[in-house]
C-alpha cells in the first residue's frame, strides 16, 4: 500500500429521507473531475444545452453514488429516491468527495 492509501475511501453515514446511506469518498474519483467541474459552474447565463448537460451530470453522479452505496436497489428505486432527494444527495456527494471547501464562496 502506498502513502496515500490511508486518505482514500473515507466513509460517512448520511441520513437522507430517513434512510441511512454510507457514502465513501472513493465512489467518485479523478475520472469524475470533468463532471464535478461542470457542477461548479455558475448556473446564471448557461444556455439551454449547458443546463441540460449539467442536469445529466447531476443525474449520473447521483445514480453512480447510490448504486455503489446501495447495490441491491433497483434502477427504478434509485431514480425515484434520487429525484426526491437530489439536494441532500448532491450536498453529501460534494462533502464526501472533499470538494465542500473548494466550492464554497
C-alpha atoms as a PDB file:
ATOM      1  CA  UNK A   1       0.000   0.000   0.000  1.00  0.00           C
ATOM      2  CA  UNK A   2       1.158   3.495  -0.766  1.00  0.00           C
ATOM      3  CA  UNK A   3       1.324   6.519   1.493  1.00  0.00           C
ATOM      4  CA  UNK A   4      -1.915   7.899   0.061  1.00  0.00           C
ATOM      5  CA  UNK A   5      -3.996   4.753   0.579  1.00  0.00           C
ATOM      6  CA  UNK A   6      -4.924   5.915   4.096  1.00  0.00           C
ATOM      7  CA  UNK A   7      -6.530   9.009   2.562  1.00  0.00           C
ATOM      8  CA  UNK A   8      -8.615   7.074   0.043  1.00  0.00           C
ATOM      9  CA  UNK A   9     -12.021   5.594   0.695  1.00  0.00           C
ATOM     10  CA  UNK A  10     -13.082   7.523   3.796  1.00  0.00           C
ATOM     11  CA  UNK A  11     -16.736   6.928   4.536  1.00  0.00           C
ATOM     12  CA  UNK A  12     -19.557   8.712   6.293  1.00  0.00           C
ATOM     13  CA  UNK A  13     -23.138   7.736   7.021  1.00  0.00           C
ATOM     14  CA  UNK A  14     -25.772  10.212   5.864  1.00  0.00           C
ATOM     15  CA  UNK A  15     -29.435  10.015   6.772  1.00  0.00           C
ATOM     16  CA  UNK A  16     -31.456  11.133   3.771  1.00  0.00           C
ATOM     17  CA  UNK A  17     -35.236  10.960   3.843  1.00  0.00           C
ATOM     18  CA  UNK A  18     -34.998   8.636   6.858  1.00  0.00           C
ATOM     19  CA  UNK A  19     -32.644   6.210   5.096  1.00  0.00           C
ATOM     20  CA  UNK A  20     -29.095   5.703   6.370  1.00  0.00           C
ATOM     21  CA  UNK A  21     -26.698   5.628   3.442  1.00  0.00           C
ATOM     22  CA  UNK A  22     -22.966   5.046   3.790  1.00  0.00           C
ATOM     23  CA  UNK A  23     -21.097   7.048   1.188  1.00  0.00           C
ATOM     24  CA  UNK A  24     -17.395   6.582   0.564  1.00  0.00           C
ATOM     25  CA  UNK A  25     -15.072   9.158  -0.885  1.00  0.00           C
ATOM     26  CA  UNK A  26     -13.826   6.536  -3.338  1.00  0.00           C
ATOM     27  CA  UNK A  27     -17.238   6.333  -5.046  1.00  0.00           C
ATOM     28  CA  UNK A  28     -16.119   9.224  -7.234  1.00  0.00           C
ATOM     29  CA  UNK A  29     -12.556   9.632  -8.414  1.00  0.00           C
ATOM     30  CA  UNK A  30     -10.278  11.696 -10.624  1.00  0.00           C
ATOM     31  CA  UNK A  31     -12.099  10.408 -13.714  1.00  0.00           C
ATOM     32  CA  UNK A  32     -15.225  12.205 -12.472  1.00  0.00           C
ATOM     33  CA  UNK A  33     -13.457  15.575 -12.288  1.00  0.00           C
ATOM     34  CA  UNK A  34     -14.835  16.914 -15.597  1.00  0.00           C
ATOM     35  CA  UNK A  35     -18.363  16.239 -14.346  1.00  0.00           C
ATOM     36  CA  UNK A  36     -17.641  17.797 -10.971  1.00  0.00           C
ATOM     37  CA  UNK A  37     -16.231  20.905 -12.634  1.00  0.00           C
ATOM     38  CA  UNK A  38     -19.461  21.328 -14.580  1.00  0.00           C
ATOM     39  CA  UNK A  39     -21.309  21.378 -11.264  1.00  0.00           C
ATOM     40  CA  UNK A  40     -19.071  24.172 -10.022  1.00  0.00           C
ATOM     41  CA  UNK A  41     -20.078  26.493 -12.854  1.00  0.00           C
ATOM     42  CA  UNK A  42     -22.470  29.319 -12.094  1.00  0.00           C
ATOM     43  CA  UNK A  43     -25.985  28.495 -13.276  1.00  0.00           C
ATOM     44  CA  UNK A  44     -26.605  32.042 -14.473  1.00  0.00           C
ATOM     45  CA  UNK A  45     -26.059  32.619 -18.153  1.00  0.00           C
ATOM     46  CA  UNK A  46     -25.932  28.946 -19.118  1.00  0.00           C
ATOM     47  CA  UNK A  47     -27.510  28.043 -22.417  1.00  0.00           C
ATOM     48  CA  UNK A  48     -30.326  25.522 -22.603  1.00  0.00           C
ATOM     49  CA  UNK A  49     -27.864  22.883 -23.835  1.00  0.00           C
ATOM     50  CA  UNK A  50     -25.451  23.620 -20.992  1.00  0.00           C
ATOM     51  CA  UNK A  51     -28.274  23.360 -18.435  1.00  0.00           C
ATOM     52  CA  UNK A  52     -29.315  20.031 -19.941  1.00  0.00           C
ATOM     53  CA  UNK A  53     -25.707  18.782 -19.800  1.00  0.00           C
ATOM     54  CA  UNK A  54     -25.458  19.891 -16.189  1.00  0.00           C
ATOM     55  CA  UNK A  55     -28.705  18.085 -15.366  1.00  0.00           C
ATOM     56  CA  UNK A  56     -27.347  14.899 -16.931  1.00  0.00           C
ATOM     57  CA  UNK A  57     -24.127  15.213 -14.938  1.00  0.00           C
ATOM     58  CA  UNK A  58     -26.097  15.535 -11.703  1.00  0.00           C
ATOM     59  CA  UNK A  59     -28.237  12.527 -12.652  1.00  0.00           C
ATOM     60  CA  UNK A  60     -25.170  10.439 -13.475  1.00  0.00           C
ATOM     61  CA  UNK A  61     -23.325  11.327 -10.259  1.00  0.00           C
ATOM     62  CA  UNK A  62     -26.345  10.616  -8.055  1.00  0.00           C
ATOM     63  CA  UNK A  63     -27.037   7.327  -9.841  1.00  0.00           C
ATOM     64  CA  UNK A  64     -23.400   6.198  -9.670  1.00  0.00           C
ATOM     65  CA  UNK A  65     -23.132   7.059  -5.993  1.00  0.00           C
ATOM     66  CA  UNK A  66     -26.413   5.403  -4.986  1.00  0.00           C
ATOM     67  CA  UNK A  67     -25.636   2.252  -6.999  1.00  0.00           C
ATOM     68  CA  UNK A  68     -22.352   1.892  -5.124  1.00  0.00           C
ATOM     69  CA  UNK A  69     -23.880   2.743  -1.738  1.00  0.00           C
ATOM     70  CA  UNK A  70     -26.967   0.527  -2.133  1.00  0.00           C
ATOM     71  CA  UNK A  71     -26.055  -2.210  -4.625  1.00  0.00           C
ATOM     72  CA  UNK A  72     -29.318  -4.132  -4.186  1.00  0.00           C
ATOM     73  CA  UNK A  73     -31.518  -1.121  -5.047  1.00  0.00           C
ATOM     74  CA  UNK A  74     -33.285  -1.355  -8.382  1.00  0.00           C
ATOM     75  CA  UNK A  75     -32.760   1.244 -11.103  1.00  0.00           C
ATOM     76  CA  UNK A  76     -36.331   2.477 -10.562  1.00  0.00           C
ATOM     77  CA  UNK A  77     -35.794   2.847  -6.810  1.00  0.00           C
ATOM     78  CA  UNK A  78     -32.605   4.806  -7.427  1.00  0.00           C
ATOM     79  CA  UNK A  79     -34.301   7.094  -9.963  1.00  0.00           C
ATOM     80  CA  UNK A  80     -37.226   7.864  -7.676  1.00  0.00           C
ATOM     81  CA  UNK A  81     -35.178   8.240  -4.477  1.00  0.00           C
ATOM     82  CA  UNK A  82     -32.533  10.316  -6.249  1.00  0.00           C
ATOM     83  CA  UNK A  83     -35.083  12.689  -7.720  1.00  0.00           C
ATOM     84  CA  UNK A  84     -36.889  13.227  -4.403  1.00  0.00           C
ATOM     85  CA  UNK A  85     -33.643  13.809  -2.554  1.00  0.00           C
ATOM     86  CA  UNK A  86     -31.455  15.473  -5.170  1.00  0.00           C
ATOM     87  CA  UNK A  87     -30.417  18.424  -2.971  1.00  0.00           C
ATOM     88  CA  UNK A  88     -29.305  16.464   0.101  1.00  0.00           C
ATOM     89  CA  UNK A  89     -27.642  13.804  -2.061  1.00  0.00           C
ATOM     90  CA  UNK A  90     -25.594  16.354  -4.011  1.00  0.00           C
ATOM     91  CA  UNK A  91     -24.559  18.061  -0.758  1.00  0.00           C
ATOM     92  CA  UNK A  92     -23.421  14.691   0.602  1.00  0.00           C
ATOM     93  CA  UNK A  93     -21.555  13.834  -2.613  1.00  0.00           C
ATOM     94  CA  UNK A  94     -19.741  17.181  -2.586  1.00  0.00           C
ATOM     95  CA  UNK A  95     -18.851  16.800   1.093  1.00  0.00           C
ATOM     96  CA  UNK A  96     -17.635  13.183   0.973  1.00  0.00           C
ATOM     97  CA  UNK A  97     -15.606  13.924  -2.158  1.00  0.00           C
ATOM     98  CA  UNK A  98     -13.692  16.610  -0.269  1.00  0.00           C
ATOM     99  CA  UNK A  99     -14.980  19.392  -2.503  1.00  0.00           C
ATOM    100  CA  UNK A 100     -17.103  21.208   0.060  1.00  0.00           C
ATOM    101  CA  UNK A 101     -14.459  23.831   0.853  1.00  0.00           C
ATOM    102  CA  UNK A 102     -13.438  24.109  -2.794  1.00  0.00           C
ATOM    103  CA  UNK A 103     -16.988  25.006  -3.868  1.00  0.00           C
ATOM    104  CA  UNK A 104     -17.715  27.439  -1.017  1.00  0.00           C
ATOM    105  CA  UNK A 105     -17.611  31.139  -1.762  1.00  0.00           C
END
